[in-house]
Amino acid sequence: MSEPGWLSRRQALMSGGVFGGGIALKSLLAGEQLLVDHQHTTGTAKSIIFLFMSGGPSQVDTFDPKPDLAKLGGQDVPESIATAVPQIKRAGLKNLLPSPWGFGRHGQSGLEISDLLPRLSEVADDLCVVRSMSHRNPVHGPGECVALTGTSTGERPSVGAWSMFGLGRESESLPSFIAMNIHNDGMQYPQPAGWGSGFLPSKYQGAIINPYRGIRDASPPPTITARRRKQEIEAIQSLNQDFASRIGVSDLEARIRSYETAYAMQTAGPELFSLSGEDQKTLDSYGVSETTTKQVGKACLLARRMVERGVPFIQIRVGGWDAHSKLKANHEKLAKRTDQPIAALIKDLRNRGLLQETLIVWAGEFGRTPTMEGKSGGRDHSPSAYSIWLAGGGIRGGQVIGETDPIGYTVTSEPVSPNDMHATMLHAIGLDANTLTYNRHGLQETPLGVTGGKILREAFA
């Protein structure tokens, strides 16, 4: 007996030509939308921009000030603190490292942000800082999978794929989930699970786009007319549809969808990547023309343009935050790359009336220890407590959620897991992560797996 829902999809695939009269693929997507529409309500945001800072930004050097570190620099953890916080005592932390940067209070809220991030300090009242993020995996690859999929194995769908599945809608002529990976100095390489669809059908995986080079081969050769290209696509789609209708393989459905998206992107893609319509003031605000900021600046500006064009989920990965040695030099380099473009993104969205309908999330896979690693002035990996922030999309800015111990090693109140953050992100776009389900061999899978998760409701206005 056929799996529920497959009959209508197969009928949709056979219902007509791809570009003549009605588009069969659109019928297919509409049929799938009926399976998930009951999960979707009106959210506080229409789009999500996930700014993923790979490598592990240090919480005590960015958003979680710890004055005690300055007093205890070079010392081991005092017995008074170790006794009060059992996790610290068990870890046997030695040689505490003060932050090279001071912290100041910013905005009307007085939110404390490191001097390392002067531009983000200008938008302090838009930021909701969560200081109590925590999980248990201290390794980059698995940690990145935890941050983006909820588990360290990397076999589950990414949060972007779940959002695409749950919303059941497409942007007009661009992929609904776009991932941009910025170069990372040969450090931790991007984990495909971060934009993968896992056990969901393949068509829900993210489209990888190089922000600085644009979409490769978006324009057909000059000898290929629009009419000929349309006929080629129709022939290819007809063959794919016939095969898919007989065997029902999701990878073929993904291929059908990709051909249609590619056809549409031959018009939409070049327009998206052409910044000729952006004024010089805007380009300068993102740092598009400056060597240090041009890559992240271009990605952030493109993210704003994608939001304007209805793309629901955009992910920008910036690698290189892994500061085992020379913390000061490492974090200053990464801050110079990201601080101006990200602050410009927030300001630009606000000025265009788009910030309230766009949720921005800034996070790494974990934080770093409050101690010095070796004699190099660096910090080791530490997933037991780290900071992230949210802005826009119905978030109440200028607030802090959660606390860590006096040296910033472990969470002492309001712990938040990556799954909690995924539930919060999906909630913002109108999806309930506890009831959104996919039938995987008879098991009703949710975005939160067996560990579950909760919405961080205090983050919202």
Protein backbone atom coordinates (compact mmCIF):
# COMPACT_ATOMS: atom_id res chain seq x y z
CA MET A 1 0.00 0.00 0.00
CA SER A 2 1.29 3.47 -0.84
CA GLU A 3 2.53 5.80 1.88
CA PRO A 4 -0.12 8.48 2.63
CA GLY A 5 0.47 11.46 0.40
CA TRP A 6 2.44 9.66 -2.30
CA LEU A 7 -0.54 9.04 -4.58
CA SER A 8 -1.34 12.73 -4.88
CA ARG A 9 2.30 13.55 -5.52
CA ARG A 10 2.59 10.97 -8.27
CA GLN A 11 -0.64 12.21 -9.84
CA ALA A 12 0.71 15.75 -9.63
CA LEU A 13 3.88 14.73 -11.42
CA MET A 14 1.83 13.19 -14.24
CA SER A 15 -0.73 16.00 -14.46
CA GLY A 16 0.86 18.02 -17.24
CA GLY A 17 3.84 19.75 -18.72
CA VAL A 18 6.23 21.70 -16.57
CA PHE A 19 5.86 25.06 -18.25
CA GLY A 20 2.61 24.70 -20.18
CA GLY A 21 -0.71 25.77 -18.64
CA GLY A 22 -0.14 24.70 -15.02
CA ILE A 23 3.25 23.71 -13.63
CA ALA A 24 3.22 20.14 -12.42
CA LEU A 25 5.92 20.83 -9.88
CA LYS A 26 3.86 23.62 -8.36
CA SER A 27 1.04 21.12 -8.00
CA LEU A 28 3.43 18.74 -6.31
CA LEU A 29 4.55 21.38 -3.84
CA ALA A 30 0.96 22.43 -3.20
CA GLY A 31 0.08 18.81 -2.43
CA GLU A 32 2.91 18.58 0.06
CA GLN A 33 1.91 21.88 1.60
CA LEU A 34 -1.43 20.34 2.60
CA LEU A 35 0.47 17.82 4.70
CA VAL A 36 2.08 20.50 6.87
CA ASP A 37 -0.24 23.52 6.70
CA HIS A 38 -1.95 22.51 9.94
CA GLN A 39 1.37 23.02 11.70
CA HIS A 40 1.88 26.58 10.45
CA THR A 41 0.50 29.62 12.25
CA THR A 42 1.21 33.32 11.97
CA GLY A 43 4.68 33.93 13.36
CA THR A 44 6.58 37.02 14.38
CA ALA A 45 8.94 36.76 11.39
CA LYS A 46 8.77 35.96 7.68
CA SER A 47 12.47 35.22 7.22
CA ILE A 48 15.44 34.02 9.27
CA ILE A 49 19.08 35.05 8.79
CA PHE A 50 21.35 32.66 10.69
CA LEU A 51 24.82 34.14 11.17
CA PHE A 52 26.93 31.14 12.12
CA MET A 53 30.35 32.02 13.55
CA SER A 54 32.26 28.76 13.18
CA GLY A 55 35.23 28.00 15.41
CA GLY A 56 33.84 29.11 18.74
CA PRO A 57 33.80 32.83 19.64
CA SER A 58 34.80 33.38 23.26
CA GLN A 59 31.84 34.38 25.42
CA VAL A 60 33.99 36.14 28.03
CA ASP A 61 35.52 38.32 25.30
CA THR A 62 32.29 39.27 23.51
CA PHE A 63 28.98 39.28 25.43
CA ASP A 64 29.60 37.86 28.93
CA PRO A 65 31.86 40.20 30.97
CA LYS A 66 33.71 38.65 33.87
CA PRO A 67 35.56 41.25 36.01
CA ASP A 68 36.87 38.47 38.26
CA LEU A 69 39.07 37.25 35.41
CA ALA A 70 40.95 40.54 35.44
CA LYS A 71 41.61 40.15 39.16
CA LEU A 72 42.62 36.50 38.90
CA GLY A 73 44.74 36.59 35.75
CA GLY A 74 47.48 33.95 35.80
CA GLN A 75 46.04 32.24 38.89
CA ASP A 76 44.19 28.97 39.28
CA VAL A 77 40.51 29.07 40.19
CA PRO A 78 40.11 30.09 43.85
CA GLU A 79 38.73 27.44 46.16
CA SER A 80 35.80 29.70 47.01
CA ILE A 81 34.58 29.67 43.40
CA ALA A 82 35.46 26.02 42.78
CA THR A 83 33.53 24.89 45.85
CA ALA A 84 30.50 26.96 44.93
CA VAL A 85 30.42 25.62 41.35
CA PRO A 86 31.00 21.83 41.30
CA GLN A 87 31.52 21.77 37.51
CA ILE A 88 34.52 24.05 37.91
CA LYS A 89 35.99 21.91 40.66
CA ARG A 90 35.66 18.77 38.55
CA ALA A 91 37.27 20.48 35.56
CA GLY A 92 40.33 21.49 37.60
CA LEU A 93 40.72 24.78 35.74
CA LYS A 94 44.13 26.44 35.97
CA ASN A 95 45.82 29.63 34.76
CA LEU A 96 42.90 32.01 34.27
CA LEU A 97 43.19 34.39 31.31
CA PRO A 98 41.72 37.92 31.58
CA SER A 99 39.99 39.33 28.53
CA PRO A 100 42.18 41.67 26.46
CA TRP A 101 39.15 43.90 25.99
CA GLY A 102 37.05 45.97 28.30
CA PHE A 103 33.24 46.00 28.31
CA GLY A 104 30.97 49.00 28.13
CA ARG A 105 27.26 49.59 28.59
CA HIS A 106 25.50 50.59 25.39
CA GLY A 107 22.16 51.92 24.23
CA GLN A 108 19.27 52.88 26.43
CA SER A 109 19.24 49.34 27.78
CA GLY A 110 22.84 49.52 28.99
CA LEU A 111 23.60 46.14 27.41
CA GLU A 112 27.19 45.10 28.13
CA ILE A 113 29.23 44.40 24.99
CA SER A 114 32.97 44.00 24.53
CA ASP A 115 35.06 46.80 23.06
CA LEU A 116 36.00 44.18 20.46
CA LEU A 117 32.64 44.88 18.75
CA PRO A 118 32.16 48.65 18.52
CA ARG A 119 29.68 48.58 15.61
CA LEU A 120 27.41 45.98 17.20
CA SER A 121 27.49 48.14 20.31
CA GLU A 122 25.66 50.79 18.26
CA VAL A 123 22.67 48.44 17.88
CA ALA A 124 22.71 47.12 21.46
CA ASP A 125 19.03 47.88 21.97
CA ASP A 126 18.17 45.47 19.14
CA LEU A 127 20.09 42.55 20.64
CA CYS A 128 18.75 39.88 22.98
CA VAL A 129 21.88 38.19 24.35
CA VAL A 130 21.57 34.61 25.60
CA ARG A 131 24.54 33.92 27.91
CA SER A 132 23.43 30.45 28.96
CA MET A 133 23.78 28.35 25.81
CA SER A 134 25.14 24.89 26.59
CA HIS A 135 25.68 21.42 25.18
CA ARG A 136 28.22 18.62 25.70
CA ASN A 137 30.25 18.22 22.51
CA PRO A 138 33.65 20.01 22.48
CA VAL A 139 34.74 19.00 18.95
CA HIS A 140 34.30 21.38 16.00
CA GLY A 141 32.66 19.12 13.42
CA PRO A 142 30.19 17.39 15.73
CA GLY A 143 29.67 20.66 17.63
CA GLU A 144 28.72 22.41 14.40
CA CYS A 145 26.28 19.60 13.67
CA VAL A 146 24.77 20.05 17.14
CA ALA A 147 24.38 23.79 16.57
CA LEU A 148 22.76 23.41 13.14
CA THR A 149 20.91 20.08 13.34
CA GLY A 150 20.50 19.34 17.04
CA THR A 151 22.70 16.22 17.18
CA SER A 152 26.41 15.56 16.76
CA THR A 153 26.00 12.78 14.20
CA GLY A 154 24.98 15.12 11.39
CA GLU A 155 22.34 12.71 10.11
CA ARG A 156 19.30 14.81 11.04
CA PRO A 157 17.87 17.67 8.97
CA SER A 158 19.30 21.13 9.49
CA VAL A 159 17.09 23.76 11.06
CA GLY A 160 16.94 25.45 7.65
CA ALA A 161 15.62 22.26 6.04
CA TRP A 162 12.96 21.91 8.75
CA SER A 163 11.86 25.50 8.19
CA MET A 164 11.55 24.90 4.46
CA PHE A 165 9.59 21.67 5.03
CA GLY A 166 7.29 23.24 7.60
CA LEU A 167 6.52 26.41 5.69
CA GLY A 168 5.76 24.46 2.53
CA ARG A 169 6.25 27.49 0.34
CA GLU A 170 8.74 28.73 -2.20
CA SER A 171 10.04 32.16 -3.04
CA GLU A 172 9.03 33.15 -6.52
CA SER A 173 12.26 32.44 -8.37
CA LEU A 174 14.98 31.76 -5.77
CA PRO A 175 15.70 28.81 -3.47
CA SER A 176 13.86 28.96 -0.16
CA PHE A 177 16.96 28.01 1.83
CA ILE A 178 20.24 29.63 0.79
CA ALA A 179 23.57 29.03 2.51
CA MET A 180 26.68 31.16 2.00
CA ASN A 181 30.01 29.91 3.37
CA ILE A 182 32.77 32.50 3.86
CA HIS A 183 36.39 31.30 3.63
CA ASN A 184 37.89 30.32 6.96
CA ASP A 185 41.70 30.49 6.65
CA GLY A 186 42.01 26.72 6.25
CA MET A 187 40.52 26.06 9.66
CA GLN A 188 37.31 24.12 10.32
CA TYR A 189 35.59 23.33 7.07
CA PRO A 190 31.81 23.66 6.68
CA GLN A 191 29.78 20.62 7.70
CA PRO A 192 27.36 19.65 4.90
CA ALA A 193 24.86 18.61 7.57
CA GLY A 194 24.50 22.32 8.34
CA TRP A 195 22.51 22.85 5.15
CA GLY A 196 21.50 19.24 4.51
CA SER A 197 18.02 17.74 4.54
CA GLY A 198 18.92 14.62 6.54
CA PHE A 199 16.04 12.15 6.33
CA LEU A 200 13.69 14.75 4.83
CA PRO A 201 13.28 14.61 1.04
CA SER A 202 16.35 15.95 -0.75
CA LYS A 203 14.57 18.98 -2.14
CA TYR A 204 14.61 20.57 1.32
CA GLN A 205 18.39 20.92 1.42
CA GLY A 206 19.91 24.38 1.18
CA ALA A 207 21.35 25.86 -1.99
CA ILE A 208 25.05 26.74 -1.58
CA ILE A 209 25.95 30.09 -3.12
CA ASN A 210 29.28 31.89 -3.21
CA PRO A 211 28.41 35.47 -2.23
CA TYR A 212 31.37 37.02 -3.97
CA ARG A 213 31.27 35.06 -7.23
CA GLY A 214 27.52 34.90 -7.58
CA ILE A 215 25.68 32.00 -9.14
CA ARG A 216 27.86 30.09 -11.57
CA ASP A 217 26.51 29.50 -15.08
CA ALA A 218 23.33 31.46 -14.38
CA SER A 219 23.37 32.90 -17.90
CA PRO A 220 23.02 30.46 -20.83
CA PRO A 221 25.53 30.61 -23.70
CA PRO A 222 24.73 33.32 -26.26
CA THR A 223 23.88 30.66 -28.86
CA ILE A 224 21.04 29.27 -26.71
CA THR A 225 17.80 31.20 -27.13
CA ALA A 226 15.22 31.47 -24.37
CA ARG A 227 12.79 29.39 -26.46
CA ARG A 228 15.33 26.61 -26.97
CA ARG A 229 16.26 26.60 -23.28
CA LYS A 230 12.60 26.29 -22.34
CA GLN A 231 12.15 23.35 -24.70
CA GLU A 232 15.25 21.62 -23.28
CA ILE A 233 13.99 22.01 -19.72
CA GLU A 234 10.53 20.75 -20.66
CA ALA A 235 12.03 17.62 -22.25
CA ILE A 236 14.29 16.92 -19.28
CA GLN A 237 11.48 17.50 -16.79
CA SER A 238 9.13 15.23 -18.73
CA LEU A 239 11.62 12.37 -18.55
CA ASN A 240 12.30 12.97 -14.85
CA GLN A 241 8.60 13.17 -14.07
CA ASP A 242 7.81 9.94 -15.87
CA PHE A 243 10.57 8.10 -14.02
CA ALA A 244 9.69 9.63 -10.65
CA SER A 245 6.00 8.74 -11.07
CA ARG A 246 6.95 5.09 -11.40
CA ILE A 247 9.52 4.76 -8.61
CA GLY A 248 8.77 7.64 -6.22
CA VAL A 249 12.35 8.56 -5.25
CA SER A 250 12.73 11.84 -3.37
CA ASP A 251 16.10 12.55 -4.99
CA LEU A 252 14.35 12.70 -8.36
CA GLU A 253 11.78 15.09 -6.96
CA ALA A 254 14.66 17.23 -5.75
CA ARG A 255 16.18 17.10 -9.24
CA ILE A 256 12.88 18.17 -10.81
CA ARG A 257 12.67 21.06 -8.38
CA SER A 258 16.29 22.06 -9.00
CA TYR A 259 15.78 22.27 -12.78
CA GLU A 260 12.80 24.56 -12.34
CA THR A 261 14.64 26.72 -9.81
CA ALA A 262 17.68 26.89 -12.07
CA TYR A 263 15.49 28.01 -14.98
CA ALA A 264 13.91 30.75 -12.89
CA MET A 265 17.27 31.81 -11.44
CA GLN A 266 18.65 32.57 -14.90
CA THR A 267 16.59 35.73 -14.59
CA ALA A 268 16.41 36.23 -10.82
CA GLY A 269 19.99 35.23 -10.01
CA PRO A 270 21.88 37.88 -11.96
CA GLU A 271 19.45 40.54 -10.70
CA LEU A 272 19.97 39.45 -7.10
CA PHE A 273 23.77 39.62 -7.35
CA SER A 274 23.88 42.87 -9.28
CA LEU A 275 24.45 45.66 -6.77
CA SER A 276 24.15 48.40 -9.37
CA GLY A 277 20.92 49.57 -7.79
CA GLU A 278 22.49 50.02 -4.35
CA ASP A 279 23.69 53.51 -3.54
CA GLN A 280 27.29 54.13 -2.48
CA LYS A 281 26.29 54.94 1.09
CA THR A 282 24.73 51.51 1.48
CA LEU A 283 27.72 49.74 -0.09
CA ASP A 284 30.10 51.63 2.19
CA SER A 285 28.04 50.85 5.28
CA TYR A 286 28.47 47.11 4.64
CA GLY A 287 32.15 47.51 3.80
CA VAL A 288 31.71 45.90 0.37
CA SER A 289 34.66 47.80 -1.12
CA GLU A 290 37.09 47.18 1.75
CA THR A 291 39.43 44.19 1.66
CA THR A 292 38.79 43.15 5.26
CA THR A 293 35.00 43.32 5.17
CA LYS A 294 34.13 42.74 1.51
CA GLN A 295 33.21 39.05 1.74
CA VAL A 296 31.04 39.21 4.85
CA GLY A 297 29.75 42.60 3.72
CA LYS A 298 28.62 41.21 0.37
CA ALA A 299 27.00 38.20 2.04
CA CYS A 300 25.11 40.40 4.53
CA LEU A 301 23.96 42.78 1.81
CA LEU A 302 22.81 39.84 -0.29
CA ALA A 303 20.95 38.49 2.75
CA ARG A 304 19.00 41.73 2.95
CA ARG A 305 18.24 41.52 -0.78
CA MET A 306 17.13 37.90 -0.36
CA VAL A 307 14.76 38.90 2.43
CA GLU A 308 13.30 41.55 0.14
CA ARG A 309 12.75 38.86 -2.51
CA GLY A 310 10.96 36.50 -0.16
CA VAL A 311 13.66 33.95 0.72
CA PRO A 312 12.56 32.43 4.06
CA PHE A 313 15.88 31.05 5.38
CA ILE A 314 19.36 32.45 4.80
CA GLN A 315 22.48 31.08 6.47
CA ILE A 316 25.88 32.80 6.47
CA ARG A 317 28.80 30.85 7.88
CA VAL A 318 31.98 32.73 8.83
CA GLY A 319 34.79 30.41 9.92
CA GLY A 320 38.04 31.08 11.74
CA TRP A 321 37.12 31.87 15.35
CA ASP A 322 39.18 28.95 16.75
CA ALA A 323 41.63 30.79 19.03
CA HIS A 324 43.80 28.11 20.64
CA SER A 325 46.66 30.58 20.46
CA LYS A 326 46.94 34.34 20.09
CA LEU A 327 43.36 35.00 21.12
CA LYS A 328 43.71 38.74 20.76
CA ALA A 329 44.99 38.63 17.19
CA ASN A 330 42.48 35.97 16.15
CA HIS A 331 39.35 37.60 17.55
CA GLU A 332 40.38 41.07 16.38
CA LYS A 333 40.78 39.77 12.83
CA LEU A 334 37.39 38.02 12.88
CA ALA A 335 35.71 41.00 14.54
CA LYS A 336 37.05 43.33 11.86
CA ARG A 337 35.62 41.02 9.21
CA THR A 338 32.17 40.74 10.75
CA ASP A 339 31.37 43.60 13.13
CA GLN A 340 30.69 46.33 10.55
CA PRO A 341 28.74 44.19 8.03
CA ILE A 342 26.50 42.61 10.65
CA ALA A 343 25.71 45.92 12.34
CA ALA A 344 25.00 47.39 8.89
CA LEU A 345 22.60 44.53 8.16
CA ILE A 346 20.60 45.25 11.31
CA LYS A 347 20.48 49.00 10.60
CA ASP A 348 19.60 48.51 6.94
CA LEU A 349 16.76 46.10 7.69
CA ARG A 350 15.44 48.47 10.34
CA ASN A 351 15.57 51.48 8.00
CA ARG A 352 13.66 49.56 5.33
CA GLY A 353 10.99 48.37 7.74
CA LEU A 354 12.14 44.75 7.44
CA LEU A 355 13.79 44.10 10.81
CA GLN A 356 10.58 43.29 12.66
CA GLU A 357 9.76 40.58 10.14
CA THR A 358 13.30 39.18 9.95
CA LEU A 359 14.79 37.12 12.78
CA ILE A 360 18.59 37.35 12.97
CA VAL A 361 20.50 34.77 15.01
CA TRP A 362 24.26 35.06 15.74
CA ALA A 363 25.88 31.93 17.18
CA GLY A 364 28.90 29.64 17.12
CA GLU A 365 29.11 25.92 17.86
CA PHE A 366 30.43 26.51 21.39
CA GLY A 367 32.42 28.98 23.49
CA ARG A 368 35.91 28.95 24.98
CA THR A 369 37.48 28.35 28.37
CA PRO A 370 38.22 31.22 30.77
CA THR A 371 41.71 29.74 31.16
CA MET A 372 44.78 30.11 28.97
CA GLU A 373 45.75 27.15 26.80
CA GLY A 374 49.48 26.51 27.12
CA LYS A 375 51.60 29.67 27.04
CA SER A 376 50.22 31.08 23.82
CA GLY A 377 47.51 33.38 25.10
CA GLY A 378 44.69 31.32 23.62
CA ARG A 379 41.60 29.54 24.93
CA ASP A 380 40.41 25.96 24.46
CA HIS A 381 36.96 24.75 23.34
CA SER A 382 34.17 24.92 25.92
CA PRO A 383 30.56 23.93 25.15
CA SER A 384 29.39 24.09 28.76
CA ALA A 385 28.53 27.81 28.49
CA TYR A 386 28.58 30.26 25.61
CA SER A 387 26.78 33.34 24.33
CA ILE A 388 24.64 33.98 21.28
CA TRP A 389 22.24 36.77 20.36
CA LEU A 390 18.96 37.29 18.51
CA ALA A 391 17.54 40.44 16.92
CA GLY A 392 14.47 41.48 14.93
CA GLY A 393 11.57 39.15 14.17
CA GLY A 394 9.55 40.05 17.26
CA ILE A 395 12.52 39.79 19.63
CA ARG A 396 12.73 42.18 22.58
CA GLY A 397 16.17 43.70 22.31
CA GLY A 398 18.35 45.21 25.00
CA GLN A 399 18.01 42.25 27.34
CA VAL A 400 20.12 39.38 28.66
CA ILE A 401 18.84 35.85 29.24
CA GLY A 402 20.69 33.41 31.48
CA GLU A 403 23.82 33.63 33.62
CA THR A 404 27.15 31.91 34.00
CA ASP A 405 29.45 31.48 37.01
CA PRO A 406 31.92 34.22 38.08
CA ILE A 407 34.54 33.13 35.53
CA GLY A 408 32.16 32.20 32.67
CA TYR A 409 32.80 28.47 32.54
CA THR A 410 29.37 26.98 33.16
CA VAL A 411 25.69 27.98 33.18
CA THR A 412 24.19 28.86 36.54
CA SER A 413 20.67 29.90 35.50
CA GLU A 414 18.26 29.42 32.58
CA PRO A 415 20.26 26.90 30.50
CA VAL A 416 19.41 26.94 26.79
CA SER A 417 20.26 24.11 24.41
CA PRO A 418 20.70 24.28 20.62
CA ASN A 419 17.38 22.42 20.34
CA ASP A 420 15.74 25.14 22.43
CA MET A 421 17.14 27.69 20.01
CA HIS A 422 15.85 25.73 17.01
CA ALA A 423 12.40 25.55 18.60
CA THR A 424 12.58 29.32 19.13
CA MET A 425 13.62 30.01 15.56
CA LEU A 426 10.86 27.83 14.13
CA HIS A 427 8.34 29.41 16.49
CA ALA A 428 9.28 32.83 15.12
CA ILE A 429 8.24 31.78 11.61
CA GLY A 430 5.03 30.17 12.85
CA LEU A 431 6.10 26.54 13.25
CA ASP A 432 5.68 24.41 16.38
CA ALA A 433 8.76 22.20 16.58
CA ASN A 434 6.96 19.76 18.88
CA THR A 435 4.07 19.08 16.50
CA LEU A 436 5.73 19.54 13.09
CA THR A 437 6.28 15.92 12.05
CA TYR A 438 7.69 13.82 9.24
CA ASN A 439 6.87 10.14 8.89
CA ARG A 440 10.23 8.34 8.83
CA HIS A 441 9.58 4.64 8.37
CA GLY A 442 6.61 4.85 10.70
CA LEU A 443 8.30 7.07 13.29
CA GLN A 444 6.85 10.56 13.57
CA GLU A 445 10.03 12.64 13.64
CA THR A 446 10.06 16.24 14.87
CA PRO A 447 12.83 18.85 14.55
CA LEU A 448 13.73 18.23 18.20
CA GLY A 449 14.34 14.48 18.06
CA VAL A 450 14.19 12.46 21.26
CA THR A 451 15.73 15.15 23.48
CA GLY A 452 13.00 17.72 22.89
CA GLY A 453 13.30 21.45 23.31
CA LYS A 454 11.48 24.51 24.54
CA ILE A 455 10.71 27.91 23.06
CA LEU A 456 12.62 30.76 24.63
CA ARG A 457 9.48 32.81 25.11
CA GLU A 458 11.12 35.51 27.24
CA ALA A 459 13.13 36.54 24.18
CA PHE A 460 10.04 37.91 22.47
CA ALA A 461 8.47 41.30 23.00
